[in-house]
Amino acid sequence: MTGSDALLSAGSHANVEGLLQCGEFGLALLLSAVIGMERELRQKSAGLRTHTLVGTGAALFMLISKYGFNDVLEPRLVVLDPSRVAAQIVTGVGFLGAGLIFVRQDAVRGLTSAASVWVTAAVGAAAGAGLPVLAALATAAYLVVAVAVPPLTRRLPRSGTAISTLRVRYPDGRGILRDILELATQRGFVIDRLSTQTVGHEPAGAQDAGVPPDLATVEVLLHLHGRGSVNDLAAAMTDLSGVHAVVADDVNVAAAV
């Protein structure tokens, strides 16, 4: 039999589609949705839909690699390596995860979401490869890390050098900035950088804390570090007379979730 005859005869082998393949695909769908639900409940940028699609897509690629080329395979003539698909999944999902990572105010965000997408792709690939026990075990391990570890990390000593930020809005000309800086230093924080900008004016007739009309509203951005809780500091600043709003970005808390 010539090479061309062998290729023609190979077409008699049909690709495999059955209950086993549907079960493997369904398992990937279920486990990926479990991981995605945890991210959705935490209101992350990559939530239920993203993780479910990543996991089922990875499973589908593995199923195609395993069962989708029987019509062209021929011993010693046409040989395919299904494991190469797994390597390509890792590379492709790596680019997707990179899009979830960003840097804001010298702090890295999105690492956990990117890692969860990467793990979800691995879970989907394992389910598609016919390894249901490993896929379920990886999902359980993810849930342990995502749910049980953050409370433990919050018990660890806080970083005294990591830079957190505070945004405080208040009416200008009343000496409130002095009170803000005094409160931060009293709680053991060091101010690394400070910037202010005018964000608006009080409308005529404003009655908030007796602020005169047309008084400028200032927003100060504080970059600070210390071993205390930035969120507790923000709560204390809201009690200062004249402060309109305080937004905290505690890098120690963000790193834990």
Foldseek 3Di string as FASTA:
>chain_A
DDLVVQQVVQQVFDFDDDPLQVQLLVLLLVLQQLLQCLCVVVVAPRHRVNSSVLLSVLLVLLLCLVGVCSSRDDPPRDDGDSVVSVVVSLVVLLVVQVVQWDADPNAIASPLVSVSSNLSSVLSNCSSNVNSVVSVVSSVVNCCLSPVQLVVLVPDQDDQPDKKKKKWKFFPDPCLVVVLVVLCVVVPKDWPDKDKDFDAFADDPDPQLPDHGRTTMMIMMTIIGGRDDQVVSLVVSVPDRGIDHMDIGGSSSSVSD
